Amino acid sequence: MAKMRELSCLMKRELLNQAAVSVDTIVAWGQQCEQNGLVYDAVDFYEKAQATEPLLRLLKVSQEEGDAFLFKRINKILKREPSQEEWRCLAGKAEEMGKHSFARQALGHLQMDSPQDRASSEA
């Protein structure tokens, strides 16, 4: 396996688009990305591998770090609908950490009343 610094965006794209790549290889790349602080890249690899455990772990990290974008993305991958309380806690954590944009994004999910509202916000 190439070293992490050798993973170009083209190589990443090739790995993620290959049909005949092993799950272990994809998970290993996800782990390397995660260890190197490239969490969003790690999520791409974990999604391809359908690696639920690492995704659940990163979901918790997203909550702890107040990262609404990552939280929303991982929930979508896991086909999981976050509770209003989870959004409220995430907004509070984001605000506490000075991530005002993420806090507003999380609070926006609290104000949505219907699935149509959610669909229009994702567009």
PDB file of N, CA and C in Angstrom:
ATOM      1  N   MET A   1       0.856  -1.175   0.000  1.00  0.00           N
ATOM      2  CA  MET A   1       0.000   0.000   0.000  1.00  0.00           C
ATOM      3  C   MET A   1       0.898   1.234   0.000  1.00  0.00           C
ATOM      4  N   ALA A   2       0.538   2.207  -0.794  1.00  0.00           N
ATOM      5  CA  ALA A   2       1.291   3.454  -0.848  1.00  0.00           C
ATOM      6  C   ALA A   2       1.180   4.182   0.483  1.00  0.00           C
ATOM      7  N   LYS A   3       2.201   4.968   0.785  1.00  0.00           N
ATOM      8  CA  LYS A   3       2.135   5.773   2.002  1.00  0.00           C
ATOM      9  C   LYS A   3       1.073   6.839   1.832  1.00  0.00           C
ATOM     10  N   MET A   4       0.555   7.307   2.973  1.00  0.00           N
ATOM     11  CA  MET A   4      -0.538   8.267   2.956  1.00  0.00           C
ATOM     12  C   MET A   4      -0.202   9.509   2.145  1.00  0.00           C
ATOM     13  N   ARG A   5       1.008  10.000   2.262  1.00  0.00           N
ATOM     14  CA  ARG A   5       1.353  11.221   1.549  1.00  0.00           C
ATOM     15  C   ARG A   5       1.338  11.016   0.041  1.00  0.00           C
ATOM     16  N   GLU A   6       1.355   9.752  -0.382  1.00  0.00           N
ATOM     17  CA  GLU A   6       1.335   9.435  -1.806  1.00  0.00           C
ATOM     18  C   GLU A   6      -0.087   9.282  -2.347  1.00  0.00           C
ATOM     19  N   LEU A   7      -1.079   9.398  -1.501  1.00  0.00           N
ATOM     20  CA  LEU A   7      -2.465   9.242  -1.937  1.00  0.00           C
ATOM     21  C   LEU A   7      -2.934  10.555  -2.565  1.00  0.00           C
ATOM     22  N   SER A   8      -2.847  10.602  -3.871  1.00  0.00           N
ATOM     23  CA  SER A   8      -3.302  11.798  -4.580  1.00  0.00           C
ATOM     24  C   SER A   8      -4.819  11.739  -4.728  1.00  0.00           C
ATOM     25  N   CYS A   9      -5.390  12.855  -5.114  1.00  0.00           N
ATOM     26  CA  CYS A   9      -6.836  12.866  -5.316  1.00  0.00           C
ATOM     27  C   CYS A   9      -7.222  11.911  -6.451  1.00  0.00           C
ATOM     28  N   LEU A  10      -6.358  11.760  -7.440  1.00  0.00           N
ATOM     29  CA  LEU A  10      -6.656  10.832  -8.540  1.00  0.00           C
ATOM     30  C   LEU A  10      -6.614   9.381  -8.068  1.00  0.00           C
ATOM     31  N   MET A  11      -5.633   9.073  -7.222  1.00  0.00           N
ATOM     32  CA  MET A  11      -5.545   7.709  -6.688  1.00  0.00           C
ATOM     33  C   MET A  11      -6.740   7.416  -5.785  1.00  0.00           C
ATOM     34  N   LYS A  12      -7.121   8.391  -4.988  1.00  0.00           N
ATOM     35  CA  LYS A  12      -8.294   8.220  -4.124  1.00  0.00           C
ATOM     36  C   LYS A  12      -9.522   7.949  -4.979  1.00  0.00           C
ATOM     37  N   ARG A  13      -9.706   8.746  -6.016  1.00  0.00           N
ATOM     38  CA  ARG A  13     -10.856   8.556  -6.910  1.00  0.00           C
ATOM     39  C   ARG A  13     -10.832   7.163  -7.530  1.00  0.00           C
ATOM     40  N   GLU A  14      -9.649   6.727  -7.958  1.00  0.00           N
ATOM     41  CA  GLU A  14      -9.531   5.401  -8.565  1.00  0.00           C
ATOM     42  C   GLU A  14      -9.895   4.297  -7.569  1.00  0.00           C
ATOM     43  N   LEU A  15      -9.389   4.420  -6.347  1.00  0.00           N
ATOM     44  CA  LEU A  15      -9.703   3.423  -5.317  1.00  0.00           C
ATOM     45  C   LEU A  15     -11.199   3.381  -5.016  1.00  0.00           C
ATOM     46  N   LEU A  16     -11.805   4.553  -4.906  1.00  0.00           N
ATOM     47  CA  LEU A  16     -13.225   4.607  -4.559  1.00  0.00           C
ATOM     48  C   LEU A  16     -14.123   4.164  -5.709  1.00  0.00           C
ATOM     49  N   ASN A  17     -13.642   4.254  -6.930  1.00  0.00           N
ATOM     50  CA  ASN A  17     -14.464   3.870  -8.079  1.00  0.00           C
ATOM     51  C   ASN A  17     -14.209   2.459  -8.582  1.00  0.00           C
ATOM     52  N   GLN A  18     -13.200   1.787  -8.039  1.00  0.00           N
ATOM     53  CA  GLN A  18     -12.916   0.411  -8.442  1.00  0.00           C
ATOM     54  C   GLN A  18     -13.989  -0.518  -7.907  1.00  0.00           C
ATOM     55  N   ALA A  19     -14.463  -1.396  -8.775  1.00  0.00           N
ATOM     56  CA  ALA A  19     -15.460  -2.375  -8.335  1.00  0.00           C
ATOM     57  C   ALA A  19     -14.791  -3.552  -7.637  1.00  0.00           C
ATOM     58  N   ALA A  20     -13.589  -3.895  -8.072  1.00  0.00           N
ATOM     59  CA  ALA A  20     -12.924  -5.103  -7.582  1.00  0.00           C
ATOM     60  C   ALA A  20     -11.807  -4.781  -6.585  1.00  0.00           C
ATOM     61  N   VAL A  21     -12.113  -3.996  -5.589  1.00  0.00           N
ATOM     62  CA  VAL A  21     -11.131  -3.703  -4.544  1.00  0.00           C
ATOM     63  C   VAL A  21     -11.658  -4.309  -3.243  1.00  0.00           C
ATOM     64  N   SER A  22     -10.749  -4.849  -2.445  1.00  0.00           N
ATOM     65  CA  SER A  22     -11.188  -5.539  -1.233  1.00  0.00           C
ATOM     66  C   SER A  22     -11.651  -4.546  -0.170  1.00  0.00           C
ATOM     67  N   VAL A  23     -12.607  -4.992   0.616  1.00  0.00           N
ATOM     68  CA  VAL A  23     -13.126  -4.195   1.721  1.00  0.00           C
ATOM     69  C   VAL A  23     -11.991  -3.876   2.693  1.00  0.00           C
ATOM     70  N   ASP A  24     -11.126  -4.851   2.954  1.00  0.00           N
ATOM     71  CA  ASP A  24     -10.013  -4.636   3.882  1.00  0.00           C
ATOM     72  C   ASP A  24      -9.100  -3.515   3.408  1.00  0.00           C
ATOM     73  N   THR A  25      -8.845  -3.460   2.115  1.00  0.00           N
ATOM     74  CA  THR A  25      -7.997  -2.405   1.552  1.00  0.00           C
ATOM     75  C   THR A  25      -8.647  -1.041   1.727  1.00  0.00           C
ATOM     76  N   ILE A  26      -9.941  -0.977   1.442  1.00  0.00           N
ATOM     77  CA  ILE A  26     -10.657   0.295   1.553  1.00  0.00           C
ATOM     78  C   ILE A  26     -10.710   0.753   3.015  1.00  0.00           C
ATOM     79  N   VAL A  27     -10.972  -0.175   3.927  1.00  0.00           N
ATOM     80  CA  VAL A  27     -11.012   0.172   5.354  1.00  0.00           C
ATOM     81  C   VAL A  27      -9.622   0.624   5.820  1.00  0.00           C
ATOM     82  N   ALA A  28      -8.575  -0.048   5.346  1.00  0.00           N
ATOM     83  CA  ALA A  28      -7.208   0.337   5.728  1.00  0.00           C
ATOM     84  C   ALA A  28      -6.902   1.765   5.273  1.00  0.00           C
ATOM     85  N   TRP A  29      -7.334   2.124   4.074  1.00  0.00           N
ATOM     86  CA  TRP A  29      -7.139   3.491   3.604  1.00  0.00           C
ATOM     87  C   TRP A  29      -7.933   4.463   4.470  1.00  0.00           C
ATOM     88  N   GLY A  30      -9.135   4.074   4.840  1.00  0.00           N
ATOM     89  CA  GLY A  30      -9.944   4.914   5.721  1.00  0.00           C
ATOM     90  C   GLY A  30      -9.254   5.138   7.056  1.00  0.00           C
ATOM     91  N   GLN A  31      -8.673   4.079   7.596  1.00  0.00           N
ATOM     92  CA  GLN A  31      -7.969   4.188   8.874  1.00  0.00           C
ATOM     93  C   GLN A  31      -6.755   5.098   8.755  1.00  0.00           C
ATOM     94  N   GLN A  32      -6.030   4.965   7.646  1.00  0.00           N
ATOM     95  CA  GLN A  32      -4.854   5.827   7.443  1.00  0.00           C
ATOM     96  C   GLN A  32      -5.279   7.287   7.327  1.00  0.00           C
ATOM     97  N   CYS A  33      -6.326   7.514   6.582  1.00  0.00           N
ATOM     98  CA  CYS A  33      -6.818   8.896   6.453  1.00  0.00           C
ATOM     99  C   CYS A  33      -7.207   9.445   7.819  1.00  0.00           C
ATOM    100  N   GLU A  34      -7.935   8.645   8.575  1.00  0.00           N
ATOM    101  CA  GLU A  34      -8.387   9.075   9.897  1.00  0.00           C
ATOM    102  C   GLU A  34      -7.206   9.372  10.816  1.00  0.00           C
ATOM    103  N   GLN A  35      -6.207   8.508  10.804  1.00  0.00           N
ATOM    104  CA  GLN A  35      -5.019   8.703  11.645  1.00  0.00           C
ATOM    105  C   GLN A  35      -4.263   9.966  11.259  1.00  0.00           C
ATOM    106  N   ASN A  36      -4.369  10.362   9.999  1.00  0.00           N
ATOM    107  CA  ASN A  36      -3.678  11.553   9.516  1.00  0.00           C
ATOM    108  C   ASN A  36      -4.562  12.800   9.573  1.00  0.00           C
ATOM    109  N   GLY A  37      -5.712  12.676  10.237  1.00  0.00           N
ATOM    110  CA  GLY A  37      -6.585  13.827  10.421  1.00  0.00           C
ATOM    111  C   GLY A  37      -7.444  14.166   9.215  1.00  0.00           C
ATOM    112  N   LEU A  38      -7.493  13.287   8.234  1.00  0.00           N
ATOM    113  CA  LEU A  38      -8.292  13.507   7.032  1.00  0.00           C
ATOM    114  C   LEU A  38      -9.632  12.799   7.190  1.00  0.00           C
ATOM    115  N   VAL A  39     -10.434  13.299   8.110  1.00  0.00           N
ATOM    116  CA  VAL A  39     -11.669  12.623   8.506  1.00  0.00           C
ATOM    117  C   VAL A  39     -12.659  12.514   7.352  1.00  0.00           C
ATOM    118  N   TYR A  40     -12.781  13.568   6.557  1.00  0.00           N
ATOM    119  CA  TYR A  40     -13.743  13.531   5.455  1.00  0.00           C
ATOM    120  C   TYR A  40     -13.334  12.491   4.406  1.00  0.00           C
ATOM    121  N   ASP A  41     -12.024  12.363   4.163  1.00  0.00           N
ATOM    122  CA  ASP A  41     -11.545  11.324   3.257  1.00  0.00           C
ATOM    123  C   ASP A  41     -11.804   9.941   3.857  1.00  0.00           C
ATOM    124  N   ALA A  42     -11.583   9.809   5.160  1.00  0.00           N
ATOM    125  CA  ALA A  42     -11.843   8.531   5.835  1.00  0.00           C
ATOM    126  C   ALA A  42     -13.303   8.131   5.664  1.00  0.00           C
ATOM    127  N   VAL A  43     -14.205   9.089   5.800  1.00  0.00           N
ATOM    128  CA  VAL A  43     -15.637   8.800   5.643  1.00  0.00           C
ATOM    129  C   VAL A  43     -15.916   8.281   4.239  1.00  0.00           C
ATOM    130  N   ASP A  44     -15.267   8.851   3.231  1.00  0.00           N
ATOM    131  CA  ASP A  44     -15.451   8.362   1.857  1.00  0.00           C
ATOM    132  C   ASP A  44     -15.096   6.884   1.757  1.00  0.00           C
ATOM    133  N   PHE A  45     -13.959   6.512   2.341  1.00  0.00           N
ATOM    134  CA  PHE A  45     -13.528   5.112   2.283  1.00  0.00           C
ATOM    135  C   PHE A  45     -14.440   4.208   3.113  1.00  0.00           C
ATOM    136  N   TYR A  46     -14.819   4.650   4.298  1.00  0.00           N
ATOM    137  CA  TYR A  46     -15.708   3.838   5.131  1.00  0.00           C
ATOM    138  C   TYR A  46     -17.075   3.664   4.477  1.00  0.00           C
ATOM    139  N   GLU A  47     -17.529   4.691   3.796  1.00  0.00           N
ATOM    140  CA  GLU A  47     -18.804   4.576   3.085  1.00  0.00           C
ATOM    141  C   GLU A  47     -18.711   3.513   2.001  1.00  0.00           C
ATOM    142  N   LYS A  48     -17.636   3.554   1.213  1.00  0.00           N
ATOM    143  CA  LYS A  48     -17.439   2.572   0.137  1.00  0.00           C
ATOM    144  C   LYS A  48     -17.398   1.162   0.708  1.00  0.00           C
ATOM    145  N   ALA A  49     -16.736   0.994   1.865  1.00  0.00           N
ATOM    146  CA  ALA A  49     -16.596  -0.330   2.491  1.00  0.00           C
ATOM    147  C   ALA A  49     -17.829  -0.729   3.291  1.00  0.00           C
ATOM    148  N   GLN A  50     -18.782   0.183   3.439  1.00  0.00           N
ATOM    149  CA  GLN A  50     -19.960  -0.032   4.277  1.00  0.00           C
ATOM    150  C   GLN A  50     -19.536  -0.450   5.684  1.00  0.00           C
ATOM    151  N   ALA A  51     -18.533   0.271   6.187  1.00  0.00           N
ATOM    152  CA  ALA A  51     -17.948  -0.019   7.499  1.00  0.00           C
ATOM    153  C   ALA A  51     -18.704   0.768   8.570  1.00  0.00           C
ATOM    154  N   THR A  52     -19.697   0.140   9.145  1.00  0.00           N
ATOM    155  CA  THR A  52     -20.587   0.799  10.091  1.00  0.00           C
ATOM    156  C   THR A  52     -19.882   1.235  11.376  1.00  0.00           C
ATOM    157  N   GLU A  53     -19.053   0.374  11.936  1.00  0.00           N
ATOM    158  CA  GLU A  53     -18.398   0.707  13.214  1.00  0.00           C
ATOM    159  C   GLU A  53     -17.564   1.979  13.130  1.00  0.00           C
ATOM    160  N   PRO A  54     -16.675   2.091  12.138  1.00  0.00           N
ATOM    161  CA  PRO A  54     -15.905   3.338  12.055  1.00  0.00           C
ATOM    162  C   PRO A  54     -16.793   4.555  11.805  1.00  0.00           C
ATOM    163  N   LEU A  55     -17.853   4.380  11.040  1.00  0.00           N
ATOM    164  CA  LEU A  55     -18.759   5.498  10.787  1.00  0.00           C
ATOM    165  C   LEU A  55     -19.468   5.925  12.072  1.00  0.00           C
ATOM    166  N   LEU A  56     -19.884   4.962  12.875  1.00  0.00           N
ATOM    167  CA  LEU A  56     -20.524   5.294  14.157  1.00  0.00           C
ATOM    168  C   LEU A  56     -19.543   6.000  15.091  1.00  0.00           C
ATOM    169  N   ARG A  57     -18.289   5.567  15.066  1.00  0.00           N
ATOM    170  CA  ARG A  57     -17.262   6.213  15.883  1.00  0.00           C
ATOM    171  C   ARG A  57     -17.070   7.667  15.436  1.00  0.00           C
ATOM    172  N   LEU A  58     -17.009   7.889  14.119  1.00  0.00           N
ATOM    173  CA  LEU A  58     -16.833   9.244  13.609  1.00  0.00           C
ATOM    174  C   LEU A  58     -18.091  10.086  13.809  1.00  0.00           C
ATOM    175  N   LEU A  59     -19.240   9.446  13.864  1.00  0.00           N
ATOM    176  CA  LEU A  59     -20.469  10.166  14.172  1.00  0.00           C
ATOM    177  C   LEU A  59     -20.364  10.769  15.575  1.00  0.00           C
ATOM    178  N   LYS A  60     -19.849   9.972  16.501  1.00  0.00           N
ATOM    179  CA  LYS A  60     -19.656  10.468  17.866  1.00  0.00           C
ATOM    180  C   LYS A  60     -18.639  11.610  17.889  1.00  0.00           C
ATOM    181  N   VAL A  61     -17.569  11.464  17.118  1.00  0.00           N
ATOM    182  CA  VAL A  61     -16.558  12.521  17.030  1.00  0.00           C
ATOM    183  C   VAL A  61     -17.186  13.807  16.495  1.00  0.00           C
ATOM    184  N   SER A  62     -18.035  13.660  15.473  1.00  0.00           N
ATOM    185  CA  SER A  62     -18.680  14.850  14.894  1.00  0.00           C
ATOM    186  C   SER A  62     -19.539  15.560  15.939  1.00  0.00           C
ATOM    187  N   GLN A  63     -20.185  14.797  16.803  1.00  0.00           N
ATOM    188  CA  GLN A  63     -20.996  15.386  17.877  1.00  0.00           C
ATOM    189  C   GLN A  63     -20.113  16.087  18.897  1.00  0.00           C
ATOM    190  N   GLU A  64     -19.017  15.450  19.257  1.00  0.00           N
ATOM    191  CA  GLU A  64     -18.108  16.012  20.256  1.00  0.00           C
ATOM    192  C   GLU A  64     -17.433  17.281  19.749  1.00  0.00           C
ATOM    193  N   GLU A  65     -17.221  17.353  18.436  1.00  0.00           N
ATOM    194  CA  GLU A  65     -16.529  18.500  17.855  1.00  0.00           C
ATOM    195  C   GLU A  65     -17.490  19.546  17.285  1.00  0.00           C
ATOM    196  N   GLY A  66     -18.784  19.293  17.397  1.00  0.00           N
ATOM    197  CA  GLY A  66     -19.769  20.247  16.900  1.00  0.00           C
ATOM    198  C   GLY A  66     -19.739  20.421  15.397  1.00  0.00           C
ATOM    199  N   ASP A  67     -19.408  19.361  14.667  1.00  0.00           N
ATOM    200  CA  ASP A  67     -19.289  19.419  13.212  1.00  0.00           C
ATOM    201  C   ASP A  67     -20.603  18.977  12.564  1.00  0.00           C
ATOM    202  N   ALA A  68     -21.463  19.944  12.291  1.00  0.00           N
ATOM    203  CA  ALA A  68     -22.794  19.641  11.755  1.00  0.00           C
ATOM    204  C   ALA A  68     -22.726  19.019  10.372  1.00  0.00           C
ATOM    205  N   PHE A  69     -21.785  19.454   9.542  1.00  0.00           N
ATOM    206  CA  PHE A  69     -21.674  18.911   8.191  1.00  0.00           C
ATOM    207  C   PHE A  69     -21.338  17.426   8.243  1.00  0.00           C
ATOM    208  N   LEU A  70     -20.335  17.071   9.036  1.00  0.00           N
ATOM    209  CA  LEU A  70     -19.931  15.672   9.155  1.00  0.00           C
ATOM    210  C   LEU A  70     -21.048  14.844   9.794  1.00  0.00           C
ATOM    211  N   PHE A  71     -21.684  15.387  10.814  1.00  0.00           N
ATOM    212  CA  PHE A  71     -22.787  14.712  11.493  1.00  0.00           C
ATOM    213  C   PHE A  71     -23.903  14.380  10.506  1.00  0.00           C
ATOM    214  N   LYS A  72     -24.286  15.358   9.708  1.00  0.00           N
ATOM    215  CA  LYS A  72     -25.354  15.164   8.726  1.00  0.00           C
ATOM    216  C   LYS A  72     -24.951  14.136   7.670  1.00  0.00           C
ATOM    217  N   ARG A  73     -23.712  14.237   7.205  1.00  0.00           N
ATOM    218  CA  ARG A  73     -23.241  13.328   6.158  1.00  0.00           C
ATOM    219  C   ARG A  73     -23.216  11.883   6.637  1.00  0.00           C
ATOM    220  N   ILE A  74     -22.676  11.651   7.820  1.00  0.00           N
ATOM    221  CA  ILE A  74     -22.592  10.275   8.333  1.00  0.00           C
ATOM    222  C   ILE A  74     -23.983   9.721   8.611  1.00  0.00           C
ATOM    223  N   ASN A  75     -24.871  10.532   9.146  1.00  0.00           N
ATOM    224  CA  ASN A  75     -26.238  10.064   9.368  1.00  0.00           C
ATOM    225  C   ASN A  75     -26.899   9.672   8.060  1.00  0.00           C
ATOM    226  N   LYS A  76     -26.655  10.434   7.012  1.00  0.00           N
ATOM    227  CA  LYS A  76     -27.228  10.112   5.707  1.00  0.00           C
ATOM    228  C   LYS A  76     -26.680   8.780   5.200  1.00  0.00           C
ATOM    229  N   ILE A  77     -25.376   8.563   5.342  1.00  0.00           N
ATOM    230  CA  ILE A  77     -24.754   7.304   4.922  1.00  0.00           C
ATOM    231  C   ILE A  77     -25.363   6.135   5.686  1.00  0.00           C
ATOM    232  N   LEU A  78     -25.566   6.330   6.990  1.00  0.00           N
ATOM    233  CA  LEU A  78     -26.104   5.264   7.846  1.00  0.00           C
ATOM    234  C   LEU A  78     -27.622   5.128   7.750  1.00  0.00           C
ATOM    235  N   LYS A  79     -28.232   5.989   6.922  1.00  0.00           N
ATOM    236  CA  LYS A  79     -29.696   5.993   6.769  1.00  0.00           C
ATOM    237  C   LYS A  79     -30.366   6.134   8.140  1.00  0.00           C
ATOM    238  N   ARG A  80     -29.885   7.121   8.858  1.00  0.00           N
ATOM    239  CA  ARG A  80     -30.320   7.357  10.234  1.00  0.00           C
ATOM    240  C   ARG A  80     -30.851   8.781  10.338  1.00  0.00           C
ATOM    241  N   GLU A  81     -31.962   8.943  11.004  1.00  0.00           N
ATOM    242  CA  GLU A  81     -32.562  10.262  11.219  1.00  0.00           C
ATOM    243  C   GLU A  81     -32.211  10.731  12.632  1.00  0.00           C
ATOM    244  N   PRO A  82     -31.373  11.765  12.757  1.00  0.00           N
ATOM    245  CA  PRO A  82     -31.008  12.244  14.092  1.00  0.00           C
ATOM    246  C   PRO A  82     -32.232  12.802  14.829  1.00  0.00           C
ATOM    247  N   SER A  83     -32.227  12.635  16.126  1.00  0.00           N
ATOM    248  CA  SER A  83     -33.323  13.171  16.934  1.00  0.00           C
ATOM    249  C   SER A  83     -33.155  14.683  17.093  1.00  0.00           C
ATOM    250  N   GLN A  84     -34.234  15.325  17.483  1.00  0.00           N
ATOM    251  CA  GLN A  84     -34.189  16.758  17.752  1.00  0.00           C
ATOM    252  C   GLN A  84     -33.183  17.046  18.868  1.00  0.00           C
ATOM    253  N   GLU A  85     -33.122  16.172  19.852  1.00  0.00           N
ATOM    254  CA  GLU A  85     -32.185  16.357  20.959  1.00  0.00           C
ATOM    255  C   GLU A  85     -30.734  16.271  20.481  1.00  0.00           C
ATOM    256  N   GLU A  86     -30.447  15.361  19.549  1.00  0.00           N
ATOM    257  CA  GLU A  86     -29.088  15.271  19.012  1.00  0.00           C
ATOM    258  C   GLU A  86     -28.700  16.565  18.293  1.00  0.00           C
ATOM    259  N   TRP A  87     -29.639  17.111  17.508  1.00  0.00           N
ATOM    260  CA  TRP A  87     -29.365  18.377  16.810  1.00  0.00           C
ATOM    261  C   TRP A  87     -29.164  19.503  17.828  1.00  0.00           C
ATOM    262  N   ARG A  88     -29.964  19.504  18.874  1.00  0.00           N
ATOM    263  CA  ARG A  88     -29.865  20.545  19.912  1.00  0.00           C
ATOM    264  C   ARG A  88     -28.504  20.468  20.609  1.00  0.00           C
ATOM    265  N   CYS A  89     -28.090  19.269  20.970  1.00  0.00           N
ATOM    266  CA  CYS A  89     -26.791  19.080  21.625  1.00  0.00           C
ATOM    267  C   CYS A  89     -25.646  19.472  20.696  1.00  0.00           C
ATOM    268  N   LEU A  90     -25.770  19.086  19.436  1.00  0.00           N
ATOM    269  CA  LEU A  90     -24.739  19.426  18.453  1.00  0.00           C
ATOM    270  C   LEU A  90     -24.628  20.936  18.303  1.00  0.00           C
ATOM    271  N   ALA A  91     -25.769  21.611  18.235  1.00  0.00           N
ATOM    272  CA  ALA A  91     -25.771  23.075  18.112  1.00  0.00           C
ATOM    273  C   ALA A  91     -25.097  23.710  19.323  1.00  0.00           C
ATOM    274  N   GLY A  92     -25.395  23.202  20.507  1.00  0.00           N
ATOM    275  CA  GLY A  92     -24.785  23.725  21.724  1.00  0.00           C
ATOM    276  C   GLY A  92     -23.281  23.529  21.732  1.00  0.00           C
ATOM    277  N   LYS A  93     -22.849  22.343  21.327  1.00  0.00           N
ATOM    278  CA  LYS A  93     -21.412  22.056  21.295  1.00  0.00           C
ATOM    279  C   LYS A  93     -20.712  22.936  20.265  1.00  0.00           C
ATOM    280  N   ALA A  94     -21.318  23.090  19.101  1.00  0.00           N
ATOM    281  CA  ALA A  94     -20.725  23.929  18.057  1.00  0.00           C
ATOM    282  C   ALA A  94     -20.603  25.368  18.543  1.00  0.00           C
ATOM    283  N   GLU A  95     -21.642  25.867  19.173  1.00  0.00           N
ATOM    284  CA  GLU A  95     -21.629  27.240  19.683  1.00  0.00           C
ATOM    285  C   GLU A  95     -20.541  27.397  20.746  1.00  0.00           C
ATOM    286  N   GLU A  96     -20.451  26.422  21.623  1.00  0.00           N
ATOM    287  CA  GLU A  96     -19.448  26.432  22.691  1.00  0.00           C
ATOM    288  C   GLU A  96     -18.025  26.475  22.124  1.00  0.00           C
ATOM    289  N   MET A  97     -17.836  25.828  20.972  1.00  0.00           N
ATOM    290  CA  MET A  97     -16.513  25.760  20.354  1.00  0.00           C
ATOM    291  C   MET A  97     -16.272  26.902  19.361  1.00  0.00           C
ATOM    292  N   GLY A  98     -17.222  27.821  19.270  1.00  0.00           N
ATOM    293  CA  GLY A  98     -17.059  28.956  18.374  1.00  0.00           C
ATOM    294  C   GLY A  98     -17.334  28.642  16.916  1.00  0.00           C
ATOM    295  N   LYS A  99     -18.002  27.532  16.662  1.00  0.00           N
ATOM    296  CA  LYS A  99     -18.342  27.126  15.291  1.00  0.00           C
ATOM    297  C   LYS A  99     -19.770  27.588  15.002  1.00  0.00           C
ATOM    298  N   HIS A 100     -19.916  28.880  14.843  1.00  0.00           N
ATOM    299  CA  HIS A 100     -21.234  29.489  14.741  1.00  0.00           C
ATOM    300  C   HIS A 100     -22.004  29.040  13.500  1.00  0.00           C
ATOM    301  N   SER A 101     -21.309  28.825  12.411  1.00  0.00           N
ATOM    302  CA  SER A 101     -21.980  28.367  11.190  1.00  0.00           C
ATOM    303  C   SER A 101     -22.575  26.969  11.394  1.00  0.00           C
ATOM    304  N   PHE A 102     -21.804  26.088  12.024  1.00  0.00           N
ATOM    305  CA  PHE A 102     -22.300  24.741  12.302  1.00  0.00           C
ATOM    306  C   PHE A 102     -23.461  24.794  13.297  1.00  0.00           C
ATOM    307  N   ALA A 103     -23.372  25.691  14.264  1.00  0.00           N
ATOM    308  CA  ALA A 103     -24.457  25.831  15.244  1.00  0.00           C
ATOM    309  C   ALA A 103     -25.739  26.264  14.544  1.00  0.00           C
ATOM    310  N   ARG A 104     -25.627  27.238  13.630  1.00  0.00           N
ATOM    311  CA  ARG A 104     -26.818  27.682  12.879  1.00  0.00           C
ATOM    312  C   ARG A 104     -27.380  26.556  12.024  1.00  0.00           C
ATOM    313  N   GLN A 105     -26.484  25.790  11.402  1.00  0.00           N
ATOM    314  CA  GLN A 105     -26.931  24.674  10.566  1.00  0.00           C
ATOM    315  C   GLN A 105     -27.701  23.657  11.420  1.00  0.00           C
ATOM    316  N   ALA A 106     -27.175  23.319  12.580  1.00  0.00           N
ATOM    317  CA  ALA A 106     -27.838  22.355  13.467  1.00  0.00           C
ATOM    318  C   ALA A 106     -29.172  22.903  13.948  1.00  0.00           C
ATOM    319  N   LEU A 107     -29.201  24.173  14.334  1.00  0.00           N
ATOM    320  CA  LEU A 107     -30.454  24.791  14.788  1.00  0.00           C
ATOM    321  C   LEU A 107     -31.485  24.834  13.663  1.00  0.00           C
ATOM    322  N   GLY A 108     -31.024  24.974  12.450  1.00  0.00           N
ATOM    323  CA  GLY A 108     -31.930  24.966  11.304  1.00  0.00           C
ATOM    324  C   GLY A 108     -32.695  23.661  11.182  1.00  0.00           C
ATOM    325  N   HIS A 109     -32.074  22.580  11.598  1.00  0.00           N
ATOM    326  CA  HIS A 109     -32.759  21.285  11.543  1.00  0.00           C
ATOM    327  C   HIS A 109     -33.841  21.187  12.610  1.00  0.00           C
ATOM    328  N   LEU A 110     -33.702  21.947  13.668  1.00  0.00           N
ATOM    329  CA  LEU A 110     -34.728  21.953  14.710  1.00  0.00           C
ATOM    330  C   LEU A 110     -35.980  22.681  14.244  1.00  0.00           C
ATOM    331  N   GLN A 111     -35.831  23.626  13.336  1.00  0.00           N
ATOM    332  CA  GLN A 111     -36.949  24.432  12.886  1.00  0.00           C
ATOM    333  C   GLN A 111     -37.718  23.795  11.736  1.00  0.00           C
ATOM    334  N   MET A 112     -37.195  22.711  11.200  1.00  0.00           N
ATOM    335  CA  MET A 112     -37.869  22.055  10.081  1.00  0.00           C
ATOM    336  C   MET A 112     -39.033  21.217  10.581  1.00  0.00           C
ATOM    337  N   ASP A 113     -40.158  21.400   9.929  1.00  0.00           N
ATOM    338  CA  ASP A 113     -41.363  20.693  10.368  1.00  0.00           C
ATOM    339  C   ASP A 113     -41.669  19.455   9.550  1.00  0.00           C
ATOM    340  N   SER A 114     -41.249  19.435   8.296  1.00  0.00           N
ATOM    341  CA  SER A 114     -41.648  18.332   7.433  1.00  0.00           C
ATOM    342  C   SER A 114     -40.466  17.807   6.625  1.00  0.00           C
ATOM    343  N   PRO A 115     -40.588  16.580   6.091  1.00  0.00           N
ATOM    344  CA  PRO A 115     -39.538  16.051   5.229  1.00  0.00           C
ATOM    345  C   PRO A 115     -39.317  16.926   3.989  1.00  0.00           C
ATOM    346  N   GLN A 116     -40.351  17.625   3.527  1.00  0.00           N
ATOM    347  CA  GLN A 116     -40.198  18.522   2.376  1.00  0.00           C
ATOM    348  C   GLN A 116     -39.248  19.657   2.720  1.00  0.00           C
ATOM    349  N   ASP A 117     -39.341  20.185   3.936  1.00  0.00           N
ATOM    350  CA  ASP A 117     -38.429  21.231   4.373  1.00  0.00           C
ATOM    351  C   ASP A 117     -36.988  20.727   4.351  1.00  0.00           C
ATOM    352  N   ARG A 118     -36.766  19.505   4.817  1.00  0.00           N
ATOM    353  CA  ARG A 118     -35.431  18.926   4.836  1.00  0.00           C
ATOM    354  C   ARG A 118     -34.902  18.746   3.424  1.00  0.00           C
ATOM    355  N   ALA A 119     -35.755  18.266   2.521  1.00  0.00           N
ATOM    356  CA  ALA A 119     -35.340  18.046   1.133  1.00  0.00           C
ATOM    357  C   ALA A 119     -34.920  19.353   0.475  1.00  0.00           C
ATOM    358  N   SER A 120     -35.664  20.416   0.741  1.00  0.00           N
ATOM    359  CA  SER A 120     -35.312  21.693   0.120  1.00  0.00           C
ATOM    360  C   SER A 120     -34.025  22.264   0.688  1.00  0.00           C
ATOM    361  N   SER A 121     -33.690  21.955   1.951  1.00  0.00           N
ATOM    362  CA  SER A 121     -32.454  22.469   2.537  1.00  0.00           C
ATOM    363  C   SER A 121     -31.239  21.718   2.024  1.00  0.00           C
ATOM    364  N   GLU A 122     -31.406  20.483   1.554  1.00  0.00           N
ATOM    365  CA  GLU A 122     -30.305  19.692   1.055  1.00  0.00           C
ATOM    366  C   GLU A 122     -29.957  20.052  -0.375  1.00  0.00           C
ATOM    367  N   ALA A 123     -30.871  20.703  -1.065  1.00  0.00           N
ATOM    368  CA  ALA A 123     -30.641  21.036  -2.476  1.00  0.00           C
ATOM    369  C   ALA A 123     -29.632  22.130  -2.646  1.00  0.00           C
TER     370      ALA A 123
END
